[in-house]
Amino acid sequence: MDTVFLVVSLFLPRTILIIYYFIMHQIPLNTVPFIGDVFLTVFIPRALILIYIAQVLGTDSPWFWIHLVVAIFVYFGGGKKAKDKWKNR
């Protein structure tokens, strides 16, 4: 698994997945069916990247834990727009 893929996927997970699928033709080795790859890329890209990392590098990899922590922060933290939306109610 490329270090570039791992670093960029922290910030732009959907974009890097699409780049790897269509431009570079390098889907990371996985056991997810292709329709699952497409569905997860569109709707839950961070979960797909976690699956890729767990299958290729294992859960002992620091990259797995870094991505898991970022996914939790993004999920529970939300963005500035989401916080402002709840604040204005």
PDB file of N, CA and C in Angstrom:
ATOM      1  N   MET A   1       0.858  -1.175   0.000  1.00  0.00           N
ATOM      2  CA  MET A   1       0.000   0.000   0.000  1.00  0.00           C
ATOM      3  C   MET A   1       0.902   1.235   0.000  1.00  0.00           C
ATOM      4  N   ASP A   2       0.607   2.171  -0.880  1.00  0.00           N
ATOM      5  CA  ASP A   2       1.401   3.389  -1.017  1.00  0.00           C
ATOM      6  C   ASP A   2       1.261   4.299   0.196  1.00  0.00           C
ATOM      7  N   THR A   3       2.355   4.925   0.569  1.00  0.00           N
ATOM      8  CA  THR A   3       2.310   5.913   1.640  1.00  0.00           C
ATOM      9  C   THR A   3       1.501   7.125   1.190  1.00  0.00           C
ATOM     10  N   VAL A   4       1.600   7.473  -0.079  1.00  0.00           N
ATOM     11  CA  VAL A   4       0.826   8.601  -0.604  1.00  0.00           C
ATOM     12  C   VAL A   4      -0.668   8.337  -0.435  1.00  0.00           C
ATOM     13  N   PHE A   5      -1.095   7.122  -0.751  1.00  0.00           N
ATOM     14  CA  PHE A   5      -2.505   6.743  -0.581  1.00  0.00           C
ATOM     15  C   PHE A   5      -2.922   6.900   0.877  1.00  0.00           C
ATOM     16  N   LEU A   6      -2.090   6.432   1.785  1.00  0.00           N
ATOM     17  CA  LEU A   6      -2.434   6.469   3.206  1.00  0.00           C
ATOM     18  C   LEU A   6      -2.510   7.901   3.741  1.00  0.00           C
ATOM     19  N   VAL A   7      -1.596   8.754   3.310  1.00  0.00           N
ATOM     20  CA  VAL A   7      -1.573  10.133   3.811  1.00  0.00           C
ATOM     21  C   VAL A   7      -2.719  10.947   3.211  1.00  0.00           C
ATOM     22  N   VAL A   8      -2.888  10.881   1.898  1.00  0.00           N
ATOM     23  CA  VAL A   8      -3.931  11.676   1.251  1.00  0.00           C
ATOM     24  C   VAL A   8      -5.319  11.205   1.674  1.00  0.00           C
ATOM     25  N   SER A   9      -5.481   9.915   1.913  1.00  0.00           N
ATOM     26  CA  SER A   9      -6.795   9.406   2.311  1.00  0.00           C
ATOM     27  C   SER A   9      -7.224   9.887   3.702  1.00  0.00           C
ATOM     28  N   LEU A  10      -6.298  10.394   4.482  1.00  0.00           N
ATOM     29  CA  LEU A  10      -6.685  11.000   5.760  1.00  0.00           C
ATOM     30  C   LEU A  10      -7.515  12.261   5.533  1.00  0.00           C
ATOM     31  N   PHE A  11      -7.188  13.010   4.477  1.00  0.00           N
ATOM     32  CA  PHE A  11      -7.832  14.297   4.242  1.00  0.00           C
ATOM     33  C   PHE A  11      -8.889  14.255   3.136  1.00  0.00           C
ATOM     34  N   LEU A  12      -8.650  13.459   2.102  1.00  0.00           N
ATOM     35  CA  LEU A  12      -9.561  13.387   0.953  1.00  0.00           C
ATOM     36  C   LEU A  12      -9.835  11.933   0.584  1.00  0.00           C
ATOM     37  N   PRO A  13     -10.562  11.196   1.411  1.00  0.00           N
ATOM     38  CA  PRO A  13     -10.703   9.758   1.172  1.00  0.00           C
ATOM     39  C   PRO A  13     -11.440   9.415  -0.129  1.00  0.00           C
ATOM     40  N   ARG A  14     -12.527  10.092  -0.410  1.00  0.00           N
ATOM     41  CA  ARG A  14     -13.301   9.771  -1.618  1.00  0.00           C
ATOM     42  C   ARG A  14     -12.508  10.119  -2.877  1.00  0.00           C
ATOM     43  N   THR A  15     -11.829  11.247  -2.854  1.00  0.00           N
ATOM     44  CA  THR A  15     -11.051  11.683  -4.013  1.00  0.00           C
ATOM     45  C   THR A  15      -9.918  10.720  -4.320  1.00  0.00           C
ATOM     46  N   ILE A  16      -9.177  10.306  -3.314  1.00  0.00           N
ATOM     47  CA  ILE A  16      -8.043   9.410  -3.555  1.00  0.00           C
ATOM     48  C   ILE A  16      -8.519   8.036  -4.014  1.00  0.00           C
ATOM     49  N   LEU A  17      -9.656   7.568  -3.525  1.00  0.00           N
ATOM     50  CA  LEU A  17     -10.192   6.294  -3.993  1.00  0.00           C
ATOM     51  C   LEU A  17     -10.565   6.370  -5.471  1.00  0.00           C
ATOM     52  N   ILE A  18     -11.209   7.451  -5.873  1.00  0.00           N
ATOM     53  CA  ILE A  18     -11.584   7.617  -7.280  1.00  0.00           C
ATOM     54  C   ILE A  18     -10.348   7.737  -8.155  1.00  0.00           C
ATOM     55  N   ILE A  19      -9.339   8.463  -7.689  1.00  0.00           N
ATOM     56  CA  ILE A  19      -8.089   8.584  -8.452  1.00  0.00           C
ATOM     57  C   ILE A  19      -7.442   7.214  -8.618  1.00  0.00           C
ATOM     58  N   TYR A  20      -7.394   6.437  -7.566  1.00  0.00           N
ATOM     59  CA  TYR A  20      -6.765   5.116  -7.653  1.00  0.00           C
ATOM     60  C   TYR A  20      -7.572   4.162  -8.531  1.00  0.00           C
ATOM     61  N   TYR A  21      -8.902   4.276  -8.524  1.00  0.00           N
ATOM     62  CA  TYR A  21      -9.725   3.399  -9.363  1.00  0.00           C
ATOM     63  C   TYR A  21      -9.586   3.735 -10.839  1.00  0.00           C
ATOM     64  N   PHE A  22      -9.806   5.005 -11.185  1.00  0.00           N
ATOM     65  CA  PHE A  22      -9.950   5.376 -12.588  1.00  0.00           C
ATOM     66  C   PHE A  22      -8.668   5.851 -13.265  1.00  0.00           C
ATOM     67  N   ILE A  23      -7.823   6.537 -12.554  1.00  0.00           N
ATOM     68  CA  ILE A  23      -6.628   7.092 -13.192  1.00  0.00           C
ATOM     69  C   ILE A  23      -5.434   6.158 -13.064  1.00  0.00           C
ATOM     70  N   MET A  24      -5.199   5.638 -11.881  1.00  0.00           N
ATOM     71  CA  MET A  24      -4.016   4.815 -11.655  1.00  0.00           C
ATOM     72  C   MET A  24      -4.287   3.321 -11.815  1.00  0.00           C
ATOM     73  N   HIS A  25      -5.559   2.909 -11.820  1.00  0.00           N
ATOM     74  CA  HIS A  25      -5.947   1.494 -11.953  1.00  0.00           C
ATOM     75  C   HIS A  25      -5.269   0.607 -10.911  1.00  0.00           C
ATOM     76  N   GLN A  26      -5.208   1.096  -9.683  1.00  0.00           N
ATOM     77  CA  GLN A  26      -4.580   0.343  -8.598  1.00  0.00           C
ATOM     78  C   GLN A  26      -5.532   0.262  -7.408  1.00  0.00           C
ATOM     79  N   ILE A  27      -6.414  -0.685  -7.431  1.00  0.00           N
ATOM     80  CA  ILE A  27      -7.280  -0.906  -6.284  1.00  0.00           C
ATOM     81  C   ILE A  27      -6.485  -1.732  -5.278  1.00  0.00           C
ATOM     82  N   PRO A  28      -6.403  -1.291  -4.016  1.00  0.00           N
ATOM     83  CA  PRO A  28      -5.669  -2.095  -3.034  1.00  0.00           C
ATOM     84  C   PRO A  28      -6.256  -3.505  -2.911  1.00  0.00           C
ATOM     85  N   LEU A  29      -5.403  -4.465  -2.663  1.00  0.00           N
ATOM     86  CA  LEU A  29      -5.819  -5.852  -2.526  1.00  0.00           C
ATOM     87  C   LEU A  29      -6.870  -5.970  -1.427  1.00  0.00           C
ATOM     88  N   ASN A  30      -8.023  -6.603  -1.752  1.00  0.00           N
ATOM     89  CA  ASN A  30      -9.092  -6.734  -0.766  1.00  0.00           C
ATOM     90  C   ASN A  30     -10.013  -7.870  -1.137  1.00  0.00           C
ATOM     91  N   THR A  31     -10.909  -8.220  -0.210  1.00  0.00           N
ATOM     92  CA  THR A  31     -11.894  -9.266  -0.455  1.00  0.00           C
ATOM     93  C   THR A  31     -13.299  -8.698  -0.601  1.00  0.00           C
ATOM     94  N   VAL A  32     -13.417  -7.387  -0.685  1.00  0.00           N
ATOM     95  CA  VAL A  32     -14.716  -6.740  -0.853  1.00  0.00           C
ATOM     96  C   VAL A  32     -15.139  -6.893  -2.317  1.00  0.00           C
ATOM     97  N   PRO A  33     -16.379  -7.323  -2.578  1.00  0.00           N
ATOM     98  CA  PRO A  33     -16.842  -7.408  -3.965  1.00  0.00           C
ATOM     99  C   PRO A  33     -16.821  -6.026  -4.625  1.00  0.00           C
ATOM    100  N   PHE A  34     -16.734  -5.998  -5.954  1.00  0.00           N
ATOM    101  CA  PHE A  34     -16.616  -4.720  -6.667  1.00  0.00           C
ATOM    102  C   PHE A  34     -17.800  -3.805  -6.378  1.00  0.00           C
ATOM    103  N   ILE A  35     -19.007  -4.338  -6.306  1.00  0.00           N
ATOM    104  CA  ILE A  35     -20.173  -3.505  -6.014  1.00  0.00           C
ATOM    105  C   ILE A  35     -20.051  -2.900  -4.607  1.00  0.00           C
ATOM    106  N   GLY A  36     -19.447  -3.631  -3.696  1.00  0.00           N
ATOM    107  CA  GLY A  36     -19.182  -3.095  -2.359  1.00  0.00           C
ATOM    108  C   GLY A  36     -18.156  -1.984  -2.400  1.00  0.00           C
ATOM    109  N   ASP A  37     -17.140  -2.156  -3.242  1.00  0.00           N
ATOM    110  CA  ASP A  37     -16.143  -1.090  -3.426  1.00  0.00           C
ATOM    111  C   ASP A  37     -16.810   0.191  -3.910  1.00  0.00           C
ATOM    112  N   VAL A  38     -17.674   0.057  -4.905  1.00  0.00           N
ATOM    113  CA  VAL A  38     -18.343   1.232  -5.473  1.00  0.00           C
ATOM    114  C   VAL A  38     -19.270   1.867  -4.439  1.00  0.00           C
ATOM    115  N   PHE A  39     -20.095   1.057  -3.769  1.00  0.00           N
ATOM    116  CA  PHE A  39     -21.037   1.566  -2.774  1.00  0.00           C
ATOM    117  C   PHE A  39     -20.310   2.274  -1.630  1.00  0.00           C
ATOM    118  N   LEU A  40     -19.281   1.635  -1.103  1.00  0.00           N
ATOM    119  CA  LEU A  40     -18.556   2.232   0.021  1.00  0.00           C
ATOM    120  C   LEU A  40     -17.750   3.457  -0.405  1.00  0.00           C
ATOM    121  N   THR A  41     -17.240   3.477  -1.631  1.00  0.00           N
ATOM    122  CA  THR A  41     -16.526   4.655  -2.114  1.00  0.00           C
ATOM    123  C   THR A  41     -17.455   5.855  -2.175  1.00  0.00           C
ATOM    124  N   VAL A  42     -18.676   5.635  -2.593  1.00  0.00           N
ATOM    125  CA  VAL A  42     -19.625   6.738  -2.730  1.00  0.00           C
ATOM    126  C   VAL A  42     -20.166   7.179  -1.372  1.00  0.00           C
ATOM    127  N   PHE A  43     -20.537   6.232  -0.512  1.00  0.00           N
ATOM    128  CA  PHE A  43     -21.245   6.584   0.708  1.00  0.00           C
ATOM    129  C   PHE A  43     -20.393   6.587   1.982  1.00  0.00           C
ATOM    130  N   ILE A  44     -19.463   5.657   2.137  1.00  0.00           N
ATOM    131  CA  ILE A  44     -18.672   5.563   3.372  1.00  0.00           C
ATOM    132  C   ILE A  44     -17.201   5.295   3.027  1.00  0.00           C
ATOM    133  N   PRO A  45     -16.512   6.268   2.425  1.00  0.00           N
ATOM    134  CA  PRO A  45     -15.142   6.005   1.971  1.00  0.00           C
ATOM    135  C   PRO A  45     -14.152   5.707   3.103  1.00  0.00           C
ATOM    136  N   ARG A  46     -14.336   6.318   4.249  1.00  0.00           N
ATOM    137  CA  ARG A  46     -13.394   6.056   5.350  1.00  0.00           C
ATOM    138  C   ARG A  46     -13.476   4.615   5.837  1.00  0.00           C
ATOM    139  N   ALA A  47     -14.671   4.048   5.832  1.00  0.00           N
ATOM    140  CA  ALA A  47     -14.817   2.646   6.229  1.00  0.00           C
ATOM    141  C   ALA A  47     -14.123   1.725   5.230  1.00  0.00           C
ATOM    142  N   LEU A  48     -14.229   2.044   3.949  1.00  0.00           N
ATOM    143  CA  LEU A  48     -13.563   1.233   2.925  1.00  0.00           C
ATOM    144  C   LEU A  48     -12.048   1.311   3.074  1.00  0.00           C
ATOM    145  N   ILE A  49     -11.539   2.474   3.357  1.00  0.00           N
ATOM    146  CA  ILE A  49     -10.093   2.609   3.554  1.00  0.00           C
ATOM    147  C   ILE A  49      -9.650   1.833   4.787  1.00  0.00           C
ATOM    148  N   LEU A  50     -10.455   1.849   5.841  1.00  0.00           N
ATOM    149  CA  LEU A  50     -10.129   1.043   7.020  1.00  0.00           C
ATOM    150  C   LEU A  50     -10.122  -0.447   6.695  1.00  0.00           C
ATOM    151  N   ILE A  51     -11.049  -0.886   5.857  1.00  0.00           N
ATOM    152  CA  ILE A  51     -11.071  -2.291   5.432  1.00  0.00           C
ATOM    153  C   ILE A  51      -9.807  -2.615   4.644  1.00  0.00           C
ATOM    154  N   TYR A  52      -9.440  -1.739   3.719  1.00  0.00           N
ATOM    155  CA  TYR A  52      -8.217  -1.950   2.939  1.00  0.00           C
ATOM    156  C   TYR A  52      -6.995  -2.063   3.848  1.00  0.00           C
ATOM    157  N   ILE A  53      -6.875  -1.144   4.778  1.00  0.00           N
ATOM    158  CA  ILE A  53      -5.703  -1.143   5.663  1.00  0.00           C
ATOM    159  C   ILE A  53      -5.692  -2.393   6.531  1.00  0.00           C
ATOM    160  N   ALA A  54      -6.845  -2.776   7.066  1.00  0.00           N
ATOM    161  CA  ALA A  54      -6.906  -3.962   7.920  1.00  0.00           C
ATOM    162  C   ALA A  54      -6.537  -5.221   7.148  1.00  0.00           C
ATOM    163  N   GLN A  55      -6.935  -5.322   5.890  1.00  0.00           N
ATOM    164  CA  GLN A  55      -6.649  -6.522   5.111  1.00  0.00           C
ATOM    165  C   GLN A  55      -5.223  -6.556   4.589  1.00  0.00           C
ATOM    166  N   VAL A  56      -4.660  -5.408   4.259  1.00  0.00           N
ATOM    167  CA  VAL A  56      -3.312  -5.384   3.687  1.00  0.00           C
ATOM    168  C   VAL A  56      -2.238  -5.269   4.769  1.00  0.00           C
ATOM    169  N   LEU A  57      -2.409  -4.333   5.694  1.00  0.00           N
ATOM    170  CA  LEU A  57      -1.383  -4.079   6.704  1.00  0.00           C
ATOM    171  C   LEU A  57      -1.695  -4.707   8.059  1.00  0.00           C
ATOM    172  N   GLY A  58      -2.946  -5.031   8.304  1.00  0.00           N
ATOM    173  CA  GLY A  58      -3.349  -5.595   9.589  1.00  0.00           C
ATOM    174  C   GLY A  58      -3.773  -4.511  10.561  1.00  0.00           C
ATOM    175  N   THR A  59      -4.422  -4.926  11.622  1.00  0.00           N
ATOM    176  CA  THR A  59      -4.893  -3.961  12.621  1.00  0.00           C
ATOM    177  C   THR A  59      -3.786  -3.528  13.581  1.00  0.00           C
ATOM    178  N   ASP A  60      -2.638  -4.143  13.500  1.00  0.00           N
ATOM    179  CA  ASP A  60      -1.513  -3.727  14.341  1.00  0.00           C
ATOM    180  C   ASP A  60      -0.768  -2.536  13.749  1.00  0.00           C
ATOM    181  N   SER A  61      -1.076  -2.191  12.518  1.00  0.00           N
ATOM    182  CA  SER A  61      -0.407  -1.087  11.836  1.00  0.00           C
ATOM    183  C   SER A  61      -0.812   0.245  12.454  1.00  0.00           C
ATOM    184  N   PRO A  62       0.139   1.144  12.636  1.00  0.00           N
ATOM    185  CA  PRO A  62      -0.230   2.477  13.147  1.00  0.00           C
ATOM    186  C   PRO A  62      -1.158   3.225  12.187  1.00  0.00           C
ATOM    187  N   TRP A  63      -1.061   2.931  10.885  1.00  0.00           N
ATOM    188  CA  TRP A  63      -1.946   3.577   9.913  1.00  0.00           C
ATOM    189  C   TRP A  63      -3.401   3.218  10.173  1.00  0.00           C
ATOM    190  N   PHE A  64      -3.661   2.001  10.585  1.00  0.00           N
ATOM    191  CA  PHE A  64      -5.036   1.598  10.899  1.00  0.00           C
ATOM    192  C   PHE A  64      -5.586   2.439  12.045  1.00  0.00           C
ATOM    193  N   TRP A  65      -4.804   2.591  13.085  1.00  0.00           N
ATOM    194  CA  TRP A  65      -5.269   3.322  14.261  1.00  0.00           C
ATOM    195  C   TRP A  65      -5.383   4.817  13.985  1.00  0.00           C
ATOM    196  N   ILE A  66      -4.467   5.361  13.189  1.00  0.00           N
ATOM    197  CA  ILE A  66      -4.554   6.779  12.816  1.00  0.00           C
ATOM    198  C   ILE A  66      -5.846   7.023  12.036  1.00  0.00           C
ATOM    199  N   HIS A  67      -6.119   6.179  11.050  1.00  0.00           N
ATOM    200  CA  HIS A  67      -7.331   6.341  10.248  1.00  0.00           C
ATOM    201  C   HIS A  67      -8.586   6.120  11.084  1.00  0.00           C
ATOM    202  N   LEU A  68      -8.552   5.196  12.012  1.00  0.00           N
ATOM    203  CA  LEU A  68      -9.703   4.963  12.881  1.00  0.00           C
ATOM    204  C   LEU A  68      -9.995   6.181  13.753  1.00  0.00           C
ATOM    205  N   VAL A  69      -8.961   6.769  14.330  1.00  0.00           N
ATOM    206  CA  VAL A  69      -9.136   7.964  15.171  1.00  0.00           C
ATOM    207  C   VAL A  69      -9.677   9.127  14.338  1.00  0.00           C
ATOM    208  N   VAL A  70      -9.128   9.322  13.137  1.00  0.00           N
ATOM    209  CA  VAL A  70      -9.614  10.395  12.263  1.00  0.00           C
ATOM    210  C   VAL A  70     -11.074  10.153  11.883  1.00  0.00           C
ATOM    211  N   ALA A  71     -11.432   8.913  11.576  1.00  0.00           N
ATOM    212  CA  ALA A  71     -12.818   8.591  11.222  1.00  0.00           C
ATOM    213  C   ALA A  71     -13.759   8.901  12.382  1.00  0.00           C
ATOM    214  N   ILE A  72     -13.354   8.582  13.590  1.00  0.00           N
ATOM    215  CA  ILE A  72     -14.185   8.863  14.767  1.00  0.00           C
ATOM    216  C   ILE A  72     -14.322  10.370  14.974  1.00  0.00           C
ATOM    217  N   PHE A  73     -13.213  11.113  14.831  1.00  0.00           N
ATOM    218  CA  PHE A  73     -13.275  12.575  14.975  1.00  0.00           C
ATOM    219  C   PHE A  73     -14.193  13.193  13.918  1.00  0.00           C
ATOM    220  N   VAL A  74     -14.091  12.733  12.698  1.00  0.00           N
ATOM    221  CA  VAL A  74     -14.926  13.280  11.627  1.00  0.00           C
ATOM    222  C   VAL A  74     -16.390  12.933  11.877  1.00  0.00           C
ATOM    223  N   TYR A  75     -16.647  11.709  12.297  1.00  0.00           N
ATOM    224  CA  TYR A  75     -18.029  11.276  12.509  1.00  0.00           C
ATOM    225  C   TYR A  75     -18.682  12.036  13.666  1.00  0.00           C
ATOM    226  N   PHE A  76     -17.995  12.115  14.783  1.00  0.00           N
ATOM    227  CA  PHE A  76     -18.590  12.764  15.950  1.00  0.00           C
ATOM    228  C   PHE A  76     -18.376  14.264  15.975  1.00  0.00           C
ATOM    229  N   GLY A  77     -17.279  14.732  15.398  1.00  0.00           N
ATOM    230  CA  GLY A  77     -16.978  16.161  15.415  1.00  0.00           C
ATOM    231  C   GLY A  77     -17.774  16.946  14.406  1.00  0.00           C
ATOM    232  N   GLY A  78     -18.018  16.340  13.258  1.00  0.00           N
ATOM    233  CA  GLY A  78     -18.716  17.060  12.208  1.00  0.00           C
ATOM    234  C   GLY A  78     -17.890  18.225  11.702  1.00  0.00           C
ATOM    235  N   GLY A  79     -18.461  18.995  10.853  1.00  0.00           N
ATOM    236  CA  GLY A  79     -17.784  20.159  10.315  1.00  0.00           C
ATOM    237  C   GLY A  79     -18.290  21.434  10.946  1.00  0.00           C
ATOM    238  N   LYS A  80     -17.734  22.551  10.532  1.00  0.00           N
ATOM    239  CA  LYS A  80     -18.140  23.842  11.050  1.00  0.00           C
ATOM    240  C   LYS A  80     -19.587  24.143  10.679  1.00  0.00           C
ATOM    241  N   LYS A  81     -19.985  23.781   9.470  1.00  0.00           N
ATOM    242  CA  LYS A  81     -21.359  24.031   9.043  1.00  0.00           C
ATOM    243  C   LYS A  81     -22.355  23.261   9.908  1.00  0.00           C
ATOM    244  N   ALA A  82     -22.026  22.021  10.216  1.00  0.00           N
ATOM    245  CA  ALA A  82     -22.925  21.212  11.038  1.00  0.00           C
ATOM    246  C   ALA A  82     -23.048  21.789  12.440  1.00  0.00           C
ATOM    247  N   LYS A  83     -21.940  22.229  13.001  1.00  0.00           N
ATOM    248  CA  LYS A  83     -21.993  22.821  14.347  1.00  0.00           C
ATOM    249  C   LYS A  83     -22.772  24.122  14.342  1.00  0.00           C
ATOM    250  N   ASP A  84     -22.573  24.951  13.304  1.00  0.00           N
ATOM    251  CA  ASP A  84     -23.329  26.207  13.213  1.00  0.00           C
ATOM    252  C   ASP A  84     -24.814  25.953  13.018  1.00  0.00           C
ATOM    253  N   LYS A  85     -25.130  24.918  12.266  1.00  0.00           N
ATOM    254  CA  LYS A  85     -26.534  24.589  12.033  1.00  0.00           C
ATOM    255  C   LYS A  85     -27.224  24.210  13.346  1.00  0.00           C
ATOM    256  N   TRP A  86     -26.550  23.402  14.153  1.00  0.00           N
ATOM    257  CA  TRP A  86     -27.138  23.017  15.438  1.00  0.00           C
ATOM    258  C   TRP A  86     -27.134  24.166  16.426  1.00  0.00           C
ATOM    259  N   LYS A  87     -26.155  25.037  16.311  1.00  0.00           N
ATOM    260  CA  LYS A  87     -26.051  26.173  17.229  1.00  0.00           C
ATOM    261  C   LYS A  87     -27.167  27.187  16.994  1.00  0.00           C
ATOM    262  N   ASN A  88     -27.553  27.375  15.723  1.00  0.00           N
ATOM    263  CA  ASN A  88     -28.585  28.357  15.388  1.00  0.00           C
ATOM    264  C   ASN A  88     -29.990  27.885  15.723  1.00  0.00           C
ATOM    265  N   ARG A  89     -30.193  26.635  15.993  1.00  0.00           N
ATOM    266  CA  ARG A  89     -31.540  26.139  16.301  1.00  0.00           C
ATOM    267  C   ARG A  89     -31.961  26.498  17.675  1.00  0.00           C
TER     268      ARG A  89
END
